């Protein structure tokens, strides 16, 4: 199986990127729906949380890789 799903303007889009983005999107949708059902929970809180945690998680994963694969 080819690891490259498709190419846009010379930029390769790989399957693992598509799967990670799909997982993040589905997790955000599920969390938003659960926030709607829970009293006192704001849907915007889920979006704000994802917008903060996702970049921090990517930076943390990269930092981990750099520190332990030196």
N, C-alpha and C. Protein backbone atom coordinates (compact mmCIF):
# COMPACT_ATOMS: atom_id res chain seq x y z
N UNK A 1 0.85 -1.18 0.00
CA UNK A 1 0.00 0.00 0.00
C UNK A 1 0.89 1.24 0.00
N UNK A 2 0.55 2.20 -0.79
CA UNK A 2 1.30 3.44 -0.88
C UNK A 2 1.01 4.32 0.33
N UNK A 3 2.05 4.80 1.04
CA UNK A 3 1.81 5.65 2.21
C UNK A 3 1.25 7.03 1.85
N UNK A 4 1.39 7.44 0.60
CA UNK A 4 0.88 8.74 0.16
C UNK A 4 -0.53 8.55 -0.37
N UNK A 5 -1.50 9.23 0.23
CA UNK A 5 -2.89 9.11 -0.21
C UNK A 5 -3.11 9.88 -1.50
N UNK A 6 -2.66 11.14 -1.52
CA UNK A 6 -2.77 11.96 -2.72
C UNK A 6 -1.80 13.14 -2.59
N UNK A 7 -1.64 13.86 -3.69
CA UNK A 7 -0.73 15.01 -3.73
C UNK A 7 -1.52 16.24 -4.17
N UNK A 8 -1.33 17.34 -3.43
CA UNK A 8 -1.97 18.61 -3.77
C UNK A 8 -0.86 19.64 -3.94
N UNK A 9 -0.75 20.19 -5.12
CA UNK A 9 0.24 21.22 -5.43
C UNK A 9 1.65 20.81 -5.00
N UNK A 10 2.00 19.55 -5.22
CA UNK A 10 3.32 19.05 -4.87
C UNK A 10 3.48 18.65 -3.41
N UNK A 11 2.43 18.80 -2.61
CA UNK A 11 2.48 18.44 -1.19
C UNK A 11 1.84 17.07 -1.01
N UNK A 12 2.60 16.14 -0.45
CA UNK A 12 2.09 14.79 -0.24
C UNK A 12 1.24 14.72 1.02
N UNK A 13 0.05 14.18 0.89
CA UNK A 13 -0.83 13.95 2.04
C UNK A 13 -0.78 12.45 2.31
N UNK A 14 -0.32 12.10 3.50
CA UNK A 14 -0.13 10.69 3.84
C UNK A 14 -1.34 10.15 4.61
N UNK A 15 -1.47 8.82 4.54
CA UNK A 15 -2.61 8.17 5.17
C UNK A 15 -2.64 8.37 6.68
N UNK A 16 -1.48 8.34 7.34
CA UNK A 16 -1.50 8.48 8.80
C UNK A 16 -1.99 9.87 9.21
N UNK A 17 -1.70 10.87 8.40
CA UNK A 17 -2.20 12.22 8.69
C UNK A 17 -3.71 12.30 8.56
N UNK A 18 -4.24 11.63 7.54
CA UNK A 18 -5.70 11.59 7.35
C UNK A 18 -6.36 10.87 8.52
N UNK A 19 -5.76 9.76 8.96
CA UNK A 19 -6.35 9.00 10.07
C UNK A 19 -6.28 9.77 11.39
N UNK A 20 -5.17 10.46 11.64
CA UNK A 20 -5.05 11.25 12.87
C UNK A 20 -6.06 12.39 12.86
N UNK A 21 -6.18 13.10 11.73
CA UNK A 21 -7.13 14.22 11.64
C UNK A 21 -8.57 13.73 11.81
N UNK A 22 -8.88 12.57 11.23
CA UNK A 22 -10.22 12.00 11.38
C UNK A 22 -10.50 11.64 12.83
N UNK A 23 -9.51 11.06 13.51
CA UNK A 23 -9.67 10.71 14.92
C UNK A 23 -9.89 11.93 15.80
N UNK A 24 -9.13 13.00 15.55
CA UNK A 24 -9.30 14.23 16.32
C UNK A 24 -10.68 14.82 16.08
N UNK A 25 -11.11 14.84 14.82
CA UNK A 25 -12.42 15.39 14.48
C UNK A 25 -13.54 14.59 15.14
N UNK A 26 -13.47 13.26 15.07
CA UNK A 26 -14.52 12.42 15.68
C UNK A 26 -14.53 12.57 17.20
N UNK A 27 -13.35 12.62 17.81
CA UNK A 27 -13.29 12.80 19.27
C UNK A 27 -13.89 14.14 19.69
N UNK A 28 -13.63 15.17 18.89
CA UNK A 28 -14.19 16.48 19.19
C UNK A 28 -15.71 16.48 19.04
N UNK A 29 -16.23 15.81 18.03
CA UNK A 29 -17.68 15.72 17.83
C UNK A 29 -18.34 14.94 18.97
N UNK A 30 -17.74 13.85 19.39
CA UNK A 30 -18.29 13.05 20.49
C UNK A 30 -18.28 13.87 21.79
N UNK A 31 -17.16 14.55 22.06
CA UNK A 31 -17.07 15.37 23.27
C UNK A 31 -18.07 16.51 23.25
N UNK A 32 -18.29 17.11 22.08
CA UNK A 32 -19.27 18.19 21.96
C UNK A 32 -20.68 17.68 22.22
N UNK A 33 -21.01 16.52 21.67
CA UNK A 33 -22.33 15.93 21.91
C UNK A 33 -22.53 15.58 23.38
N UNK A 34 -21.50 15.06 24.03
CA UNK A 34 -21.61 14.75 25.46
C UNK A 34 -21.75 16.03 26.27
N UNK A 35 -21.08 17.10 25.85
CA UNK A 35 -21.21 18.38 26.56
C UNK A 35 -22.62 18.94 26.43
N UNK A 36 -23.27 18.72 25.28
CA UNK A 36 -24.66 19.18 25.11
C UNK A 36 -25.59 18.46 26.07
N UNK A 37 -25.34 17.17 26.29
CA UNK A 37 -26.22 16.36 27.13
C UNK A 37 -25.99 16.61 28.62
N UNK A 38 -24.79 17.10 28.97
CA UNK A 38 -24.46 17.32 30.37
C UNK A 38 -24.88 18.73 30.78
N UNK A 39 -25.63 18.80 31.87
CA UNK A 39 -26.07 20.11 32.34
C UNK A 39 -24.89 20.87 32.93
N UNK A 40 -24.82 22.15 32.62
CA UNK A 40 -23.76 22.99 33.15
C UNK A 40 -22.48 22.94 32.35
N UNK A 41 -22.44 22.17 31.27
CA UNK A 41 -21.24 22.06 30.44
C UNK A 41 -21.45 22.85 29.16
N UNK A 42 -20.49 23.65 28.80
CA UNK A 42 -20.58 24.50 27.63
C UNK A 42 -19.87 23.83 26.45
N UNK A 43 -20.51 23.84 25.28
CA UNK A 43 -19.91 23.24 24.08
C UNK A 43 -18.64 23.97 23.66
N UNK A 44 -18.62 25.28 23.85
CA UNK A 44 -17.45 26.06 23.46
C UNK A 44 -16.23 25.70 24.30
N UNK A 45 -16.47 25.20 25.50
CA UNK A 45 -15.37 24.76 26.35
C UNK A 45 -14.60 23.61 25.70
N UNK A 46 -15.32 22.72 25.04
CA UNK A 46 -14.68 21.59 24.34
C UNK A 46 -13.80 22.11 23.21
N UNK A 47 -14.32 23.05 22.43
CA UNK A 47 -13.55 23.61 21.32
C UNK A 47 -12.31 24.34 21.84
N UNK A 48 -12.48 25.14 22.87
CA UNK A 48 -11.34 25.84 23.45
C UNK A 48 -10.29 24.86 23.98
N UNK A 49 -10.75 23.81 24.62
CA UNK A 49 -9.84 22.80 25.15
C UNK A 49 -9.04 22.15 24.02
N UNK A 50 -9.71 21.79 22.94
CA UNK A 50 -9.03 21.14 21.81
C UNK A 50 -8.02 22.11 21.18
N UNK A 51 -8.39 23.37 21.05
CA UNK A 51 -7.48 24.34 20.44
C UNK A 51 -6.23 24.58 21.28
N UNK A 52 -6.30 24.36 22.57
CA UNK A 52 -5.12 24.47 23.42
C UNK A 52 -4.34 23.17 23.51
N UNK A 53 -5.05 22.06 23.68
CA UNK A 53 -4.39 20.78 23.95
C UNK A 53 -3.73 20.18 22.71
N UNK A 54 -4.34 20.32 21.55
CA UNK A 54 -3.80 19.71 20.34
C UNK A 54 -2.40 20.22 20.00
N UNK A 55 -2.17 21.54 19.93
CA UNK A 55 -0.79 21.99 19.65
C UNK A 55 0.20 21.63 20.75
N UNK A 56 -0.26 21.68 22.00
CA UNK A 56 0.63 21.31 23.11
C UNK A 56 0.99 19.83 23.02
N UNK A 57 0.04 18.99 22.63
CA UNK A 57 0.31 17.57 22.46
C UNK A 57 1.29 17.29 21.34
N UNK A 58 1.16 18.01 20.23
CA UNK A 58 2.09 17.84 19.10
C UNK A 58 3.49 18.28 19.51
N UNK A 59 3.60 19.42 20.18
CA UNK A 59 4.92 19.88 20.65
C UNK A 59 5.52 18.94 21.68
N UNK A 60 4.69 18.42 22.57
CA UNK A 60 5.18 17.47 23.56
C UNK A 60 5.67 16.18 22.94
N UNK A 61 4.96 15.69 21.94
CA UNK A 61 5.37 14.47 21.25
C UNK A 61 6.70 14.68 20.53
N UNK A 62 6.85 15.84 19.91
CA UNK A 62 8.11 16.15 19.21
C UNK A 62 9.26 16.29 20.20
N UNK A 63 9.01 16.94 21.32
CA UNK A 63 10.02 17.09 22.35
C UNK A 63 10.46 15.73 22.90
N UNK A 64 9.49 14.86 23.15
CA UNK A 64 9.78 13.50 23.61
C UNK A 64 10.67 12.77 22.60
N UNK A 65 10.31 12.89 21.31
CA UNK A 65 11.08 12.23 20.27
C UNK A 65 12.51 12.75 20.22
N UNK A 66 12.67 14.06 20.32
CA UNK A 66 14.01 14.65 20.27
C UNK A 66 14.85 14.24 21.47
N UNK A 67 14.25 14.24 22.65
CA UNK A 67 15.00 13.90 23.87
C UNK A 67 15.43 12.44 23.92
N UNK A 68 14.57 11.54 23.47
CA UNK A 68 14.86 10.12 23.63
C UNK A 68 15.39 9.45 22.38
N UNK A 69 15.53 10.20 21.27
CA UNK A 69 16.12 9.65 20.05
C UNK A 69 17.36 10.44 19.64
N UNK A 70 18.03 11.02 20.60
CA UNK A 70 19.17 11.86 20.32
C UNK A 70 20.28 11.03 19.77
